């Protein structure tokens, strides 16, 4: 491995670590009462979004999708978008079902 590649991976690892710490901090912002339900939705959505961003970074940098054919990059991005829609749809659908 060359020094540039190792430096890039170190920077990516540091960014992933910072994102993890930020998501832990956001997850710890839990409230009480009726207003907590809205805050909980924001926190949950934020944590899901951060997790999907981390997955994209890992796919691109550590699984070398960055150097793969364009179609594979688009397929992985489409998979992430579909996963986001399913996760958030299930969460908000469950909240709406629970409220009714």
Protein backbone atom coordinates (compact mmCIF):
# COMPACT_ATOMS: atom_id res chain seq x y z
CA UNK A 1 0.00 0.00 0.00
CA UNK A 2 1.19 3.46 -0.71
CA UNK A 3 1.25 6.28 1.82
CA UNK A 4 -1.49 8.25 0.07
CA UNK A 5 -3.90 5.30 0.21
CA UNK A 6 -3.13 4.69 3.89
CA UNK A 7 -3.63 8.38 4.68
CA UNK A 8 -6.99 8.37 2.86
CA UNK A 9 -8.16 5.33 4.82
CA UNK A 10 -7.06 6.95 8.08
CA UNK A 11 -9.05 10.09 7.26
CA UNK A 12 -12.10 7.99 6.33
CA UNK A 13 -11.78 6.00 9.55
CA UNK A 14 -11.56 9.22 11.59
CA UNK A 15 -14.65 10.61 9.83
CA UNK A 16 -16.57 7.40 10.52
CA UNK A 17 -15.52 7.54 14.17
CA UNK A 18 -16.64 11.17 14.46
CA UNK A 19 -19.98 10.35 12.85
CA UNK A 20 -20.44 7.46 15.30
CA UNK A 21 -19.77 9.73 18.27
CA UNK A 22 -22.15 12.36 16.88
CA UNK A 23 -24.92 9.79 16.41
CA UNK A 24 -24.41 8.54 19.97
CA UNK A 25 -24.73 12.11 21.19
CA UNK A 26 -27.91 12.67 19.14
CA UNK A 27 -29.37 9.39 20.42
CA UNK A 28 -28.76 10.49 24.01
CA UNK A 29 -31.01 13.56 23.53
CA UNK A 30 -34.14 11.81 24.70
CA UNK A 31 -37.00 13.85 26.17
CA UNK A 32 -40.12 13.15 28.18
CA UNK A 33 -43.83 13.69 27.57
CA UNK A 34 -45.81 14.60 24.43
CA UNK A 35 -43.09 16.77 22.90
CA UNK A 36 -40.70 13.84 23.20
CA UNK A 37 -42.67 11.96 20.52
CA UNK A 38 -41.76 14.60 17.93
CA UNK A 39 -38.20 14.80 19.21
CA UNK A 40 -37.98 11.02 19.12
CA UNK A 41 -38.97 11.00 15.45
CA UNK A 42 -36.27 13.56 14.65
CA UNK A 43 -33.67 11.64 16.62
CA UNK A 44 -34.63 8.31 15.05
CA UNK A 45 -34.62 9.80 11.55
CA UNK A 46 -31.24 11.39 12.21
CA UNK A 47 -29.71 8.17 13.49
CA UNK A 48 -31.04 6.22 10.49
CA UNK A 49 -29.69 8.87 8.10
CA UNK A 50 -26.29 8.86 9.80
CA UNK A 51 -26.16 5.06 9.66
CA UNK A 52 -26.93 5.10 5.94
CA UNK A 53 -24.26 7.75 5.34
CA UNK A 54 -21.77 5.54 7.16
CA UNK A 55 -22.79 2.54 5.04
CA UNK A 56 -22.25 4.57 1.87
CA UNK A 57 -18.80 5.66 3.03
CA UNK A 58 -17.88 2.07 3.88
CA UNK A 59 -19.16 0.82 0.52
CA UNK A 60 -17.23 3.48 -1.38
CA UNK A 61 -13.96 3.45 0.54
CA UNK A 62 -13.48 0.03 2.11
CA UNK A 63 -15.33 -2.13 -0.40
CA UNK A 64 -13.77 -0.23 -3.33
CA UNK A 65 -17.06 0.60 -5.05
CA UNK A 66 -15.45 3.95 -5.82
CA UNK A 67 -13.31 2.21 -8.47
CA UNK A 68 -16.05 -0.16 -9.65
CA UNK A 69 -18.11 0.33 -12.81
CA UNK A 70 -20.65 3.16 -12.68
CA UNK A 71 -23.56 0.72 -12.70
CA UNK A 72 -22.42 -0.89 -9.45
CA UNK A 73 -22.13 2.53 -7.81
CA UNK A 74 -25.64 3.42 -8.92
CA UNK A 75 -26.99 0.06 -7.75
CA UNK A 76 -25.47 0.46 -4.28
CA UNK A 77 -26.84 4.01 -4.04
CA UNK A 78 -30.26 2.76 -5.14
CA UNK A 79 -30.10 0.00 -2.54
CA UNK A 80 -29.29 2.58 0.15
CA UNK A 81 -32.17 4.79 -0.96
CA UNK A 82 -34.56 1.85 -0.93
CA UNK A 83 -33.33 0.86 2.53
CA UNK A 84 -33.87 4.42 3.78
CA UNK A 85 -37.42 4.51 2.40
CA UNK A 86 -38.26 1.13 3.95
CA UNK A 87 -36.77 1.96 7.37
CA UNK A 88 -38.29 5.42 7.64
CA UNK A 89 -41.61 4.28 6.14
CA UNK A 90 -41.84 1.44 8.62
CA UNK A 91 -40.98 3.73 11.53
CA UNK A 92 -43.42 6.51 10.64
CA UNK A 93 -46.09 4.01 9.57
CA UNK A 94 -45.80 2.31 12.94
CA UNK A 95 -46.08 5.67 14.70
CA UNK A 96 -49.22 6.52 12.72
CA UNK A 97 -50.71 3.09 13.44
CA UNK A 98 -49.93 3.41 17.12
CA UNK A 99 -51.50 6.88 17.31
CA UNK A 100 -54.79 5.76 15.75
